[in-house]
Protein backbone atom coordinates (compact mmCIF):
# COMPACT_ATOMS: atom_id res chain seq x y z
CA MET A 1 0.00 0.00 0.00
CA SER A 2 2.53 2.60 -1.07
CA GLU A 3 4.29 4.40 -3.88
CA ASN A 4 7.79 3.27 -4.79
CA LEU A 5 10.46 4.37 -2.32
CA SER A 6 13.20 6.53 -3.83
CA CYS A 7 15.63 6.53 -0.89
CA ASP A 8 17.73 3.45 -0.23
CA PHE A 9 17.20 3.40 3.55
CA PRO A 10 14.82 1.42 5.78
CA ARG A 11 13.34 4.63 7.19
CA ALA A 12 13.19 7.29 4.50
CA SER A 13 11.93 9.82 7.02
CA ARG A 14 15.23 9.54 8.91
CA THR A 15 17.16 10.77 5.88
CA LEU A 16 17.09 13.91 3.77
CA CYS A 17 15.18 12.75 0.72
CA HIS A 18 15.71 15.44 -1.87
CA ASP A 19 12.63 14.64 -3.95
CA ILE A 20 10.02 15.94 -1.50
CA ARG A 21 7.55 18.34 -3.14
CA VAL A 22 4.99 20.47 -1.34
CA SER A 23 2.17 22.83 -2.23
CA PHE A 24 0.19 25.19 -0.04
CA GLU A 25 -3.44 26.24 -0.04
CA PHE A 26 -4.65 29.67 1.07
CA PHE A 27 -8.02 31.42 1.09
CA PRO A 28 -8.61 35.03 -0.02
CA PRO A 29 -8.69 37.51 2.87
CA LYS A 30 -11.86 39.34 3.91
CA THR A 31 -10.26 42.19 5.86
CA GLU A 32 -7.05 44.20 5.87
CA ALA A 33 -5.86 42.35 8.98
CA MET A 34 -6.51 38.98 7.32
CA GLU A 35 -4.72 40.18 4.20
CA GLU A 36 -1.67 41.08 6.26
CA THR A 37 -1.68 37.61 7.86
CA LEU A 38 -2.03 35.97 4.46
CA TRP A 39 0.95 37.77 2.96
CA GLU A 40 3.07 37.16 6.03
CA SER A 41 2.32 33.46 5.55
CA ILE A 42 3.06 33.52 1.82
CA ASN A 43 6.37 35.31 2.44
CA ARG A 44 7.26 32.80 5.16
CA LEU A 45 6.52 29.73 3.02
CA ALA A 46 7.60 30.91 -0.45
CA PRO A 47 11.36 30.38 0.19
CA LEU A 48 10.66 26.66 0.65
CA GLY A 49 10.10 26.46 -3.10
CA PRO A 50 6.58 24.99 -3.30
CA SER A 51 5.47 23.38 -6.54
CA PHE A 52 2.54 25.79 -6.45
CA VAL A 53 0.26 27.66 -4.06
CA SER A 54 -3.49 27.56 -4.54
CA VAL A 55 -6.14 30.10 -3.61
CA THR A 56 -9.64 28.88 -2.82
CA TYR A 57 -12.93 29.99 -4.36
CA GLY A 58 -15.89 30.59 -2.07
CA ALA A 59 -19.24 28.83 -2.30
CA GLY A 60 -21.23 30.03 -5.28
CA GLY A 61 -18.33 32.14 -6.45
CA SER A 62 -18.67 34.37 -3.39
CA THR A 63 -14.94 35.19 -3.29
CA ARG A 64 -14.42 35.45 -7.05
CA GLU A 65 -12.96 38.96 -7.12
CA ARG A 66 -10.84 38.42 -4.00
CA THR A 67 -9.54 35.11 -5.34
CA HIS A 68 -8.57 36.73 -8.64
CA ALA A 69 -6.91 39.68 -6.88
CA THR A 70 -4.91 37.38 -4.59
CA VAL A 71 -3.76 35.14 -7.43
CA ALA A 72 -2.85 38.12 -9.63
CA ARG A 73 -0.76 39.62 -6.82
CA ILE A 74 1.07 36.33 -6.32
CA VAL A 75 1.94 36.39 -10.04
CA ARG A 76 3.15 40.00 -9.87
CA GLU A 77 5.03 40.01 -6.60
CA THR A 78 6.37 36.53 -5.89
CA SER A 79 8.33 33.78 -7.57
CA VAL A 80 5.87 31.01 -6.68
CA LYS A 81 3.45 29.54 -9.19
CA PRO A 82 -0.19 30.16 -8.26
CA ALA A 83 -3.15 27.90 -8.92
CA ALA A 84 -6.61 29.47 -8.89
CA HIS A 85 -9.55 27.45 -7.60
CA LEU A 86 -12.66 27.53 -9.79
CA THR A 87 -16.13 26.01 -9.40
CA CYS A 88 -19.10 25.73 -11.73
CA VAL A 89 -21.76 26.71 -9.16
CA ALA A 90 -24.31 29.37 -10.11
CA ALA A 91 -22.59 30.54 -13.29
CA ALA A 92 -23.14 30.10 -17.01
CA ARG A 93 -20.45 28.57 -19.20
CA GLU A 94 -19.83 31.89 -20.93
CA GLU A 95 -19.17 33.55 -17.57
CA ILE A 96 -16.85 30.79 -16.38
CA ASP A 97 -14.97 30.75 -19.68
CA ALA A 98 -14.42 34.50 -19.32
CA ILE A 99 -13.00 33.97 -15.80
CA VAL A 100 -10.69 31.26 -17.13
CA GLN A 101 -9.49 33.54 -19.94
CA GLY A 102 -8.94 36.30 -17.39
CA TYR A 103 -6.69 34.03 -15.36
CA TRP A 104 -4.68 33.14 -18.45
CA ASP A 105 -4.31 36.83 -19.34
CA ALA A 106 -3.10 37.51 -15.77
CA GLY A 107 -0.32 34.96 -16.17
CA VAL A 108 -1.96 32.04 -14.31
CA ARG A 109 -1.31 28.64 -15.87
CA HIS A 110 -2.80 26.27 -13.28
CA ILE A 111 -6.42 25.88 -12.13
CA VAL A 112 -7.86 23.66 -9.41
CA ALA A 113 -11.22 22.68 -10.88
CA LEU A 114 -13.99 21.74 -8.44
CA ARG A 115 -17.70 21.27 -8.87
CA GLY A 116 -18.33 23.30 -5.72
CA ASP A 117 -20.86 23.01 -2.91
CA PRO A 118 -24.56 23.61 -3.60
CA GLN A 119 -25.69 27.19 -3.11
CA GLU A 120 -28.13 26.03 -0.44
CA GLY A 121 -25.26 24.60 1.55
CA ILE A 122 -23.59 21.24 2.15
CA GLY A 123 -26.17 18.48 2.33
CA SER A 124 -28.41 20.07 -0.30
CA LYS A 125 -28.78 18.60 -3.77
CA PHE A 126 -26.49 20.10 -6.38
CA ARG A 127 -28.35 21.73 -9.25
CA PRO A 128 -26.26 22.82 -12.24
CA HIS A 129 -26.85 26.26 -13.70
CA PRO A 130 -29.20 25.90 -16.71
CA ASP A 131 -26.48 27.24 -19.00
CA GLY A 132 -23.53 26.09 -16.93
CA TYR A 133 -21.17 23.16 -16.65
CA GLU A 134 -23.01 20.19 -15.23
CA ASN A 135 -20.14 18.71 -13.20
CA SER A 136 -16.42 18.89 -12.51
CA ALA A 137 -15.44 16.77 -15.53
CA ALA A 138 -17.31 19.15 -17.84
CA LEU A 139 -15.60 22.08 -16.10
CA VAL A 140 -12.18 20.51 -16.66
CA ALA A 141 -12.95 20.02 -20.35
CA GLY A 142 -14.16 23.62 -20.60
CA ILE A 143 -10.98 24.97 -19.01
CA ARG A 144 -8.84 22.95 -21.37
CA ARG A 145 -10.81 24.31 -24.36
CA VAL A 146 -10.09 27.90 -23.34
CA ALA A 147 -6.32 27.49 -22.93
CA ASP A 148 -3.60 24.96 -22.20
CA PHE A 149 -3.92 25.09 -18.41
CA GLU A 150 -2.54 22.55 -16.00
CA VAL A 151 -5.66 21.31 -14.20
CA SER A 152 -5.80 19.75 -10.73
CA VAL A 153 -8.95 18.16 -9.33
CA SER A 154 -10.19 16.73 -6.03
CA ALA A 155 -10.20 13.14 -4.78
CA TYR A 156 -11.92 11.65 -1.74
CA PRO A 157 -10.27 8.77 0.16
CA GLU A 158 -13.37 8.44 2.37
CA SER A 159 -15.79 9.19 -0.49
CA HIS A 160 -17.56 12.46 -1.23
CA PRO A 161 -20.53 13.17 1.10
CA GLU A 162 -22.90 12.85 -1.88
CA SER A 163 -21.30 9.71 -3.29
CA ALA A 164 -22.66 6.19 -2.92
CA SER A 165 -19.20 4.64 -2.55
CA VAL A 166 -15.46 5.10 -3.00
CA GLU A 167 -15.75 3.11 -6.23
CA HIS A 168 -18.19 5.70 -7.57
CA ASP A 169 -15.75 8.43 -6.56
CA ILE A 170 -13.02 6.70 -8.54
CA ASP A 171 -15.36 6.59 -11.56
CA VAL A 172 -15.82 10.35 -11.20
CA LEU A 173 -12.07 10.85 -10.87
CA GLN A 174 -11.50 8.81 -14.03
CA GLY A 175 -13.94 11.06 -15.88
CA LYS A 176 -12.07 14.16 -14.76
CA ILE A 177 -8.77 12.68 -15.93
CA GLU A 178 -10.27 11.80 -19.31
CA ALA A 179 -11.42 15.43 -19.56
CA GLY A 180 -7.86 16.67 -19.08
CA ALA A 181 -6.94 16.71 -15.37
CA SER A 182 -3.31 15.85 -14.63
CA ARG A 183 -3.24 15.83 -10.81
CA ALA A 184 -5.61 15.05 -7.94
CA ILE A 185 -5.45 16.53 -4.44
CA THR A 186 -7.25 14.60 -1.74
CA GLN A 187 -9.62 15.75 0.94
CA PHE A 188 -7.74 15.83 4.24
CA PHE A 189 -7.62 12.69 6.37
CA PHE A 190 -6.04 11.68 9.67
CA GLU A 191 -5.59 7.91 9.31
CA ASN A 192 -2.91 7.21 6.71
CA ASP A 193 -4.29 3.74 6.02
CA ILE A 194 -7.38 5.41 4.56
CA TYR A 195 -5.27 7.24 1.99
CA LEU A 196 -3.04 4.25 1.24
CA ARG A 197 -6.00 1.93 0.66
CA PHE A 198 -7.59 4.53 -1.61
CA LEU A 199 -4.32 4.88 -3.51
CA ASP A 200 -4.17 1.13 -4.04
CA LYS A 201 -7.72 1.13 -5.46
CA VAL A 202 -6.94 4.05 -7.76
CA ARG A 203 -3.78 2.43 -9.08
CA ALA A 204 -5.62 -0.86 -9.56
CA ARG A 205 -7.97 0.99 -11.91
CA GLY A 206 -5.03 2.06 -14.06
CA ILE A 207 -5.02 5.68 -12.89
CA ASP A 208 -1.43 6.87 -12.77
CA ILE A 209 -1.63 10.64 -12.24
CA PRO A 210 -0.27 12.02 -8.94
CA ILE A 211 -2.77 11.60 -6.07
CA ILE A 212 -1.44 14.13 -3.60
CA PRO A 213 -2.48 13.75 0.05
CA GLY A 214 -4.14 16.80 1.54
CA ILE A 215 -2.79 17.52 5.02
CA VAL A 216 -4.46 19.86 7.51
CA PRO A 217 -2.44 20.85 10.59
CA VAL A 218 -4.93 21.18 13.46
CA GLN A 219 -4.92 24.87 14.36
CA SER A 220 -8.17 24.42 16.31
CA PHE A 221 -9.53 20.96 17.04
CA LYS A 222 -13.17 22.10 17.25
CA GLN A 223 -12.93 23.97 13.96
CA THR A 224 -11.16 21.09 12.24
CA ALA A 225 -13.74 18.59 13.53
CA ARG A 226 -16.51 20.80 12.16
CA PHE A 227 -14.83 21.02 8.75
CA ALA A 228 -14.31 17.25 8.76
CA LYS A 229 -17.99 16.58 9.47
CA GLN A 230 -19.02 18.81 6.56
CA ALA A 231 -16.51 17.17 4.25
CA GLY A 232 -17.28 13.58 5.23
CA ALA A 233 -13.82 13.04 6.73
CA SER A 234 -13.60 10.91 9.86
CA VAL A 235 -12.04 12.20 13.08
CA PRO A 236 -10.55 9.30 15.07
CA GLN A 237 -11.03 9.19 18.82
CA TRP A 238 -7.28 9.16 19.41
CA LEU A 239 -7.07 12.59 17.77
CA ALA A 240 -9.81 14.00 19.99
CA ASP A 241 -8.04 12.53 23.01
CA ARG A 242 -4.77 14.27 22.15
CA PHE A 243 -6.43 17.69 22.10
CA GLU A 244 -8.65 17.09 25.13
CA GLY A 245 -8.43 19.89 27.70
CA LEU A 246 -6.37 22.22 25.50
CA ASP A 247 -9.05 24.70 24.41
CA ASP A 248 -7.61 27.36 26.73
CA ASP A 249 -3.97 26.36 26.36
CA PRO A 250 -2.87 27.56 22.91
CA GLN A 251 0.84 27.04 23.52
CA THR A 252 0.48 23.33 24.35
CA ARG A 253 -2.13 22.94 21.63
CA ARG A 254 0.34 24.17 19.00
CA LEU A 255 2.98 21.71 20.22
CA VAL A 256 0.49 18.84 20.07
CA ALA A 257 -0.70 19.93 16.63
CA ALA A 258 2.86 19.97 15.32
CA THR A 259 3.50 16.51 16.79
CA VAL A 260 0.33 15.03 15.26
CA ALA A 261 1.05 16.46 11.81
CA ALA A 262 4.70 15.42 11.97
CA GLU A 263 3.72 11.84 12.79
CA GLN A 264 1.37 11.77 9.85
CA VAL A 265 3.67 13.16 7.18
CA LEU A 266 6.76 11.22 8.28
CA ASP A 267 4.78 7.98 8.22
CA LEU A 268 3.64 8.80 4.69
CA VAL A 269 7.25 9.43 3.68
CA ASP A 270 8.10 5.96 4.99
CA HIS A 271 5.34 4.61 2.73
CA GLY A 272 6.92 6.24 -0.31
CA VAL A 273 4.89 9.44 -0.50
CA ARG A 274 6.88 12.39 -1.80
CA ASP A 275 4.19 15.02 -2.56
CA PHE A 276 2.13 16.86 0.05
CA HIS A 277 -0.55 19.55 -0.21
CA PHE A 278 -1.03 21.57 2.98
CA TYR A 279 -4.27 23.32 3.91
CA THR A 280 -2.57 26.22 5.68
CA MET A 281 -5.62 28.14 6.98
CA ASN A 282 -3.46 31.15 6.01
CA ARG A 283 -1.02 30.48 8.85
CA ALA A 284 2.56 29.49 8.25
CA ASP A 285 4.23 28.42 11.49
CA LEU A 286 2.93 24.85 11.79
CA VAL A 287 3.32 24.17 8.08
CA TYR A 288 6.83 25.61 8.02
CA ALA A 289 7.87 23.37 10.92
CA ILE A 290 6.43 20.28 9.22
CA CYS A 291 8.22 21.12 5.98
CA HIS A 292 11.48 21.45 7.91
CA LEU A 293 10.96 17.93 9.26
CA LEU A 294 10.43 16.76 5.68
CA GLY A 295 13.89 18.10 4.84
CA LEU A 296 12.90 21.28 3.04
CA ARG A 297 15.10 24.30 3.57
CA PRO A 298 14.75 27.90 2.34
CA LYS A 299 16.13 28.57 -1.10
CA LEU A 300 18.28 31.65 -1.39
CA GLU A 301 16.75 33.24 -4.46
CA GLN A 302 13.10 34.00 -3.85
CA LYS A 303 11.31 37.21 -4.80
CA ALA A 304 9.30 38.31 -1.75
CA ALA A 305 5.78 39.69 -1.91
């Protein structure tokens, strides 16, 4: 249940494997204070040389302008490669195609294509726009028609909340690949066996694109548990136990969070994983520490934002 190891040691995580690749996910800021935090985080993480950084797209396109502004600034002011998230919720094809063209004109060459949550909220039935893209595979195909973008898509080791099974999710993933996707980023998970079993099933279906594990450092256990419930990701009891009694002890909570995330990523390295996508929550410290444990060090030549 693993990718091929590329380091000739029993414990790859105990060595400096030089083929580790990381990417970071941010969300567009709502306020000036949040914008300052975001750019502090980008400047902190950019010297690690990520493969790309992605910027999320709010439900129903609610952050469209802020997402575009954030991505455009990353292009202008940093050396990192940005990836813009895009959904097909509540928008006609013509409108989405114009957004895609706008990203290309701004210098963006990578889009993370997602169907998006229903406008009525998670748990509601998704209804495509009458003149829009009906699903994520159609969105991928539409993006590829506009320009030669690199397109990443989502994958769900524990199955999408609306899906009947993991096998159905793999069918959907296959459709997105056939439409032009070249990478999948998974929903976050806490039990590595869940990801490794999913990876085995995907590879058994002949899917060979990168399936990058999504990792979320636990900034706040309550918040993370709430996100997990919405996303259909399980929260093991051992994780709840580790954060028990720490709601009013942020210093210890950060140490525990770093330990939990370190255990997870180093175990994945020992199983041959070399690519990681971090959901940063726009905060750099935990992610930076984890990347250091993975062997990443700042590169000297980085243009700061």
